[in-house]
Amino acid sequence: MKASHGAPGPNVAVGPPNRDPGLQPERTALAWLRTSLSHAVLTLLLVRWTADGGGTTALVLLSATALQVSASLACASCRSRQRIQDINATMTMPVAVAASAAAVFTAAALALATIVLG
């Protein structure tokens, strides 16, 4: 029997199944949040070391770490805001859902009018 190397037939699945495109950015955002949290804890430890007389080295490390925390949180905030704007821009209501919602609201309005008008 000869193997065919052409395009797969109509019933053959090709490639991995479609995955939710929102999962990867969400995992990345959570990873950045964990990184920022660990930097914040490090900043607090450096504050304590500075208060205990850590000297100039502790102060420099504290400043650098505080700057990293601020930058990480600012980037995470911007990414989150952009992601929300992208979701809102692409969100559309399917026609079937809109028609069903209109039918339900119309039926509810008619029922309310019947009750009120007696």
N, C-alpha and C. Protein backbone atom coordinates (compact mmCIF):
# COMPACT_ATOMS: atom_id res chain seq x y z
N MET A 1 0.84 -1.18 0.00
CA MET A 1 0.00 0.00 0.00
C MET A 1 0.88 1.24 0.00
N LYS A 2 0.54 2.17 -0.78
CA LYS A 2 1.35 3.37 -0.96
C LYS A 2 0.85 4.47 -0.02
N ALA A 3 1.78 5.11 0.70
CA ALA A 3 1.41 6.21 1.61
C ALA A 3 1.26 7.49 0.81
N SER A 4 0.23 8.23 1.12
CA SER A 4 0.03 9.50 0.43
C SER A 4 0.63 10.62 1.27
N HIS A 5 1.27 11.54 0.60
CA HIS A 5 1.90 12.67 1.29
C HIS A 5 1.22 13.98 0.95
N GLY A 6 0.01 13.93 0.50
CA GLY A 6 -0.72 15.14 0.14
C GLY A 6 -1.41 15.75 1.34
N ALA A 7 -2.35 16.62 1.08
CA ALA A 7 -3.10 17.28 2.15
C ALA A 7 -3.99 16.25 2.84
N PRO A 8 -4.19 16.39 4.14
CA PRO A 8 -5.03 15.44 4.87
C PRO A 8 -6.49 15.56 4.42
N GLY A 9 -7.22 14.47 4.63
CA GLY A 9 -8.63 14.44 4.25
C GLY A 9 -9.45 15.34 5.15
N PRO A 10 -10.75 15.46 4.86
CA PRO A 10 -11.59 16.39 5.61
C PRO A 10 -11.83 15.96 7.07
N ASN A 11 -11.65 14.68 7.39
CA ASN A 11 -11.91 14.21 8.76
C ASN A 11 -10.64 14.07 9.60
N VAL A 12 -9.52 14.54 9.08
CA VAL A 12 -8.26 14.41 9.80
C VAL A 12 -7.96 15.73 10.50
N ALA A 13 -7.72 15.64 11.82
CA ALA A 13 -7.39 16.85 12.58
C ALA A 13 -5.94 17.23 12.32
N VAL A 14 -5.69 18.48 12.11
CA VAL A 14 -4.35 18.97 11.84
C VAL A 14 -3.95 19.94 12.93
N GLY A 15 -2.78 19.71 13.55
CA GLY A 15 -2.25 20.63 14.55
C GLY A 15 -2.95 20.50 15.89
N PRO A 16 -2.46 21.23 16.86
CA PRO A 16 -3.05 21.18 18.20
C PRO A 16 -4.41 21.87 18.21
N PRO A 17 -5.27 21.50 19.16
CA PRO A 17 -6.57 22.17 19.24
C PRO A 17 -6.38 23.64 19.62
N ASN A 18 -7.35 24.45 19.25
CA ASN A 18 -7.27 25.87 19.58
C ASN A 18 -7.31 26.04 21.09
N ARG A 19 -6.40 26.85 21.59
CA ARG A 19 -6.37 27.12 23.02
C ARG A 19 -6.77 28.55 23.25
N ASP A 20 -7.15 28.82 24.48
CA ASP A 20 -7.58 30.16 24.84
C ASP A 20 -6.38 31.10 24.75
N PRO A 21 -6.44 32.12 23.89
CA PRO A 21 -5.30 33.02 23.74
C PRO A 21 -5.06 33.90 24.96
N GLY A 22 -6.00 33.93 25.89
CA GLY A 22 -5.84 34.78 27.07
C GLY A 22 -5.03 34.13 28.17
N LEU A 23 -4.76 32.83 28.07
CA LEU A 23 -4.06 32.15 29.16
C LEU A 23 -2.59 32.54 29.25
N GLN A 24 -1.89 32.59 28.12
CA GLN A 24 -0.47 32.91 28.17
C GLN A 24 -0.21 34.31 28.71
N PRO A 25 -0.91 35.35 28.24
CA PRO A 25 -0.67 36.67 28.82
C PRO A 25 -1.03 36.73 30.31
N GLU A 26 -2.04 35.96 30.70
CA GLU A 26 -2.42 35.97 32.11
C GLU A 26 -1.32 35.32 32.96
N ARG A 27 -0.76 34.21 32.47
CA ARG A 27 0.34 33.56 33.21
C ARG A 27 1.54 34.49 33.29
N THR A 28 1.83 35.19 32.20
CA THR A 28 2.96 36.12 32.20
C THR A 28 2.72 37.25 33.18
N ALA A 29 1.51 37.79 33.20
CA ALA A 29 1.19 38.87 34.14
C ALA A 29 1.31 38.40 35.58
N LEU A 30 0.84 37.18 35.85
CA LEU A 30 0.96 36.65 37.21
C LEU A 30 2.42 36.43 37.60
N ALA A 31 3.23 36.00 36.64
CA ALA A 31 4.65 35.82 36.93
C ALA A 31 5.31 37.16 37.26
N TRP A 32 4.96 38.20 36.51
CA TRP A 32 5.52 39.52 36.81
C TRP A 32 5.04 40.02 38.16
N LEU A 33 3.81 39.71 38.51
CA LEU A 33 3.29 40.12 39.81
C LEU A 33 4.04 39.41 40.93
N ARG A 34 4.31 38.11 40.76
CA ARG A 34 5.10 37.39 41.78
C ARG A 34 6.50 37.96 41.88
N THR A 35 7.09 38.30 40.74
CA THR A 35 8.44 38.89 40.75
C THR A 35 8.42 40.22 41.48
N SER A 36 7.41 41.03 41.23
CA SER A 36 7.31 42.33 41.91
C SER A 36 7.12 42.14 43.41
N LEU A 37 6.34 41.13 43.79
CA LEU A 37 6.12 40.86 45.21
C LEU A 37 7.42 40.45 45.88
N SER A 38 8.21 39.60 45.22
CA SER A 38 9.48 39.19 45.81
C SER A 38 10.44 40.38 45.91
N HIS A 39 10.41 41.28 44.93
CA HIS A 39 11.23 42.49 45.02
C HIS A 39 10.76 43.39 46.17
N ALA A 40 9.46 43.45 46.38
CA ALA A 40 8.94 44.26 47.48
C ALA A 40 9.40 43.70 48.83
N VAL A 41 9.39 42.38 48.96
CA VAL A 41 9.88 41.75 50.20
C VAL A 41 11.36 42.05 50.38
N LEU A 42 12.12 41.96 49.31
CA LEU A 42 13.55 42.29 49.38
C LEU A 42 13.74 43.74 49.78
N THR A 43 12.92 44.63 49.27
CA THR A 43 13.00 46.04 49.64
C THR A 43 12.76 46.22 51.14
N LEU A 44 11.77 45.52 51.67
CA LEU A 44 11.50 45.62 53.11
C LEU A 44 12.66 45.08 53.93
N LEU A 45 13.29 44.00 53.48
CA LEU A 45 14.46 43.48 54.18
C LEU A 45 15.61 44.48 54.14
N LEU A 46 15.78 45.14 52.99
CA LEU A 46 16.84 46.14 52.89
C LEU A 46 16.54 47.36 53.75
N VAL A 47 15.26 47.71 53.89
CA VAL A 47 14.90 48.82 54.79
C VAL A 47 15.31 48.48 56.21
N ARG A 48 15.05 47.24 56.59
CA ARG A 48 15.43 46.82 57.96
C ARG A 48 16.95 46.84 58.11
N TRP A 49 17.66 46.36 57.08
CA TRP A 49 19.12 46.34 57.15
C TRP A 49 19.67 47.76 57.23
N THR A 50 19.07 48.68 56.47
CA THR A 50 19.49 50.08 56.50
C THR A 50 19.24 50.69 57.88
N ALA A 51 18.09 50.35 58.47
CA ALA A 51 17.77 50.89 59.80
C ALA A 51 18.70 50.34 60.87
N ASP A 52 19.22 49.13 60.67
CA ASP A 52 20.14 48.53 61.64
C ASP A 52 21.58 48.99 61.44
N GLY A 53 21.79 49.93 60.55
CA GLY A 53 23.14 50.47 60.33
C GLY A 53 23.86 49.78 59.19
N GLY A 54 23.17 49.45 58.15
CA GLY A 54 23.77 48.76 57.01
C GLY A 54 24.69 49.64 56.19
N GLY A 55 24.59 50.93 56.36
CA GLY A 55 25.50 51.83 55.67
C GLY A 55 25.09 52.16 54.25
N THR A 56 26.07 52.65 53.50
CA THR A 56 25.83 53.13 52.15
C THR A 56 25.45 52.00 51.20
N THR A 57 26.04 50.83 51.37
CA THR A 57 25.73 49.70 50.50
C THR A 57 24.26 49.34 50.59
N ALA A 58 23.74 49.29 51.79
CA ALA A 58 22.33 48.96 51.99
C ALA A 58 21.44 50.02 51.36
N LEU A 59 21.83 51.28 51.48
CA LEU A 59 21.04 52.36 50.92
C LEU A 59 21.00 52.29 49.39
N VAL A 60 22.14 51.97 48.76
CA VAL A 60 22.20 51.84 47.30
C VAL A 60 21.35 50.65 46.85
N LEU A 61 21.48 49.52 47.54
CA LEU A 61 20.68 48.35 47.19
C LEU A 61 19.19 48.61 47.39
N LEU A 62 18.87 49.33 48.46
CA LEU A 62 17.48 49.68 48.72
C LEU A 62 16.92 50.55 47.60
N SER A 63 17.67 51.53 47.17
CA SER A 63 17.21 52.42 46.09
C SER A 63 17.02 51.65 44.79
N ALA A 64 17.97 50.78 44.46
CA ALA A 64 17.87 50.01 43.21
C ALA A 64 16.68 49.06 43.25
N THR A 65 16.49 48.40 44.37
CA THR A 65 15.37 47.46 44.48
C THR A 65 14.04 48.19 44.45
N ALA A 66 13.95 49.32 45.12
CA ALA A 66 12.71 50.10 45.11
C ALA A 66 12.40 50.57 43.69
N LEU A 67 13.42 50.94 42.94
CA LEU A 67 13.22 51.35 41.55
C LEU A 67 12.73 50.19 40.70
N GLN A 68 13.28 48.99 40.92
CA GLN A 68 12.84 47.81 40.19
C GLN A 68 11.38 47.48 40.50
N VAL A 69 11.01 47.56 41.76
CA VAL A 69 9.62 47.28 42.15
C VAL A 69 8.68 48.27 41.48
N SER A 70 9.04 49.53 41.50
CA SER A 70 8.20 50.55 40.89
C SER A 70 8.05 50.32 39.39
N ALA A 71 9.14 50.00 38.72
CA ALA A 71 9.10 49.77 37.28
C ALA A 71 8.27 48.52 36.95
N SER A 72 8.45 47.47 37.72
CA SER A 72 7.69 46.23 37.47
C SER A 72 6.20 46.46 37.65
N LEU A 73 5.82 47.14 38.70
CA LEU A 73 4.40 47.40 38.95
C LEU A 73 3.81 48.34 37.89
N ALA A 74 4.58 49.32 37.45
CA ALA A 74 4.10 50.22 36.40
C ALA A 74 3.89 49.46 35.09
N CYS A 75 4.83 48.58 34.74
CA CYS A 75 4.68 47.79 33.51
C CYS A 75 3.49 46.85 33.61
N ALA A 76 3.31 46.22 34.76
CA ALA A 76 2.18 45.32 34.94
C ALA A 76 0.86 46.08 34.82
N SER A 77 0.82 47.27 35.37
CA SER A 77 -0.40 48.08 35.30
C SER A 77 -0.71 48.47 33.85
N CYS A 78 0.31 48.87 33.11
CA CYS A 78 0.10 49.26 31.71
C CYS A 78 -0.35 48.07 30.88
N ARG A 79 0.27 46.90 31.09
CA ARG A 79 -0.13 45.70 30.34
C ARG A 79 -1.57 45.32 30.67
N SER A 80 -1.91 45.39 31.94
CA SER A 80 -3.27 45.04 32.35
C SER A 80 -4.29 45.98 31.71
N ARG A 81 -4.00 47.27 31.74
CA ARG A 81 -4.91 48.25 31.15
C ARG A 81 -5.05 48.03 29.65
N GLN A 82 -3.93 47.73 28.97
CA GLN A 82 -3.97 47.48 27.53
C GLN A 82 -4.77 46.22 27.21
N ARG A 83 -4.58 45.18 28.02
CA ARG A 83 -5.31 43.93 27.80
C ARG A 83 -6.82 44.14 27.95
N ILE A 84 -7.22 44.92 28.94
CA ILE A 84 -8.63 45.21 29.15
C ILE A 84 -9.19 45.99 27.96
N GLN A 85 -8.43 46.96 27.46
CA GLN A 85 -8.88 47.74 26.29
C GLN A 85 -9.00 46.84 25.06
N ASP A 86 -8.06 45.90 24.89
CA ASP A 86 -8.12 44.98 23.75
C ASP A 86 -9.35 44.07 23.84
N ILE A 87 -9.64 43.59 25.04
CA ILE A 87 -10.80 42.72 25.22
C ILE A 87 -12.08 43.50 24.93
N ASN A 88 -12.18 44.71 25.44
CA ASN A 88 -13.38 45.51 25.21
C ASN A 88 -13.55 45.88 23.73
N ALA A 89 -12.45 46.07 23.02
CA ALA A 89 -12.53 46.44 21.61
C ALA A 89 -12.99 45.28 20.74
N THR A 90 -12.67 44.04 21.13
CA THR A 90 -13.01 42.89 20.30
C THR A 90 -14.29 42.20 20.74
N MET A 91 -14.87 42.62 21.85
CA MET A 91 -16.06 41.95 22.35
C MET A 91 -17.29 42.38 21.56
N THR A 92 -17.95 41.42 20.98
CA THR A 92 -19.19 41.69 20.25
C THR A 92 -20.26 40.73 20.74
N MET A 93 -21.49 41.15 20.67
CA MET A 93 -22.60 40.31 21.08
C MET A 93 -23.13 39.58 19.85
N PRO A 94 -23.15 38.24 19.87
CA PRO A 94 -23.69 37.51 18.72
C PRO A 94 -25.16 37.86 18.50
N VAL A 95 -25.59 37.75 17.26
CA VAL A 95 -26.96 38.11 16.88
C VAL A 95 -27.97 37.26 17.64
N ALA A 96 -27.70 35.97 17.80
CA ALA A 96 -28.65 35.09 18.48
C ALA A 96 -28.83 35.51 19.94
N VAL A 97 -27.74 35.88 20.59
CA VAL A 97 -27.82 36.31 21.99
C VAL A 97 -28.59 37.62 22.09
N ALA A 98 -28.33 38.53 21.18
CA ALA A 98 -29.03 39.82 21.19
C ALA A 98 -30.53 39.62 20.92
N ALA A 99 -30.87 38.74 19.99
CA ALA A 99 -32.29 38.48 19.69
C ALA A 99 -32.98 37.82 20.88
N SER A 100 -32.30 36.88 21.53
CA SER A 100 -32.88 36.22 22.70
C SER A 100 -33.09 37.22 23.83
N ALA A 101 -32.10 38.06 24.05
CA ALA A 101 -32.22 39.06 25.11
C ALA A 101 -33.38 40.02 24.83
N ALA A 102 -33.51 40.43 23.58
CA ALA A 102 -34.61 41.33 23.21
C ALA A 102 -35.96 40.65 23.42
N ALA A 103 -36.07 39.37 23.08
CA ALA A 103 -37.32 38.64 23.28
C ALA A 103 -37.66 38.51 24.76
N VAL A 104 -36.67 38.23 25.59
CA VAL A 104 -36.90 38.10 27.04
C VAL A 104 -37.34 39.44 27.62
N PHE A 105 -36.66 40.52 27.25
CA PHE A 105 -37.02 41.84 27.78
C PHE A 105 -38.41 42.27 27.31
N THR A 106 -38.75 41.94 26.07
CA THR A 106 -40.08 42.27 25.56
C THR A 106 -41.15 41.50 26.32
N ALA A 107 -40.92 40.20 26.54
CA ALA A 107 -41.88 39.39 27.29
C ALA A 107 -42.02 39.90 28.72
N ALA A 108 -40.91 40.29 29.34
CA ALA A 108 -40.95 40.82 30.70
C ALA A 108 -41.72 42.14 30.73
N ALA A 109 -41.52 43.01 29.74
CA ALA A 109 -42.24 44.28 29.69
C ALA A 109 -43.73 44.05 29.50
N LEU A 110 -44.09 43.11 28.63
CA LEU A 110 -45.52 42.79 28.42
C LEU A 110 -46.14 42.21 29.70
N ALA A 111 -45.41 41.35 30.39
CA ALA A 111 -45.93 40.78 31.63
C ALA A 111 -46.11 41.87 32.68
N LEU A 112 -45.17 42.75 32.79
CA LEU A 112 -45.26 43.86 33.75
C LEU A 112 -46.42 44.78 33.39
N ALA A 113 -46.59 45.07 32.11
CA ALA A 113 -47.71 45.92 31.67
C ALA A 113 -49.04 45.24 31.97
N THR A 114 -49.12 43.94 31.78
CA THR A 114 -50.36 43.21 32.08
C THR A 114 -50.68 43.26 33.57
N ILE A 115 -49.65 43.11 34.40
CA ILE A 115 -49.86 43.17 35.86
C ILE A 115 -50.30 44.56 36.29
N VAL A 116 -49.61 45.57 35.77
CA VAL A 116 -49.88 46.95 36.19
C VAL A 116 -51.26 47.40 35.70
N LEU A 117 -51.58 47.11 34.43
CA LEU A 117 -52.86 47.55 33.86
C LEU A 117 -54.02 46.65 34.24
N GLY A 118 -53.74 45.52 34.81
CA GLY A 118 -54.73 44.65 35.40
C GLY A 118 -55.56 43.91 34.48
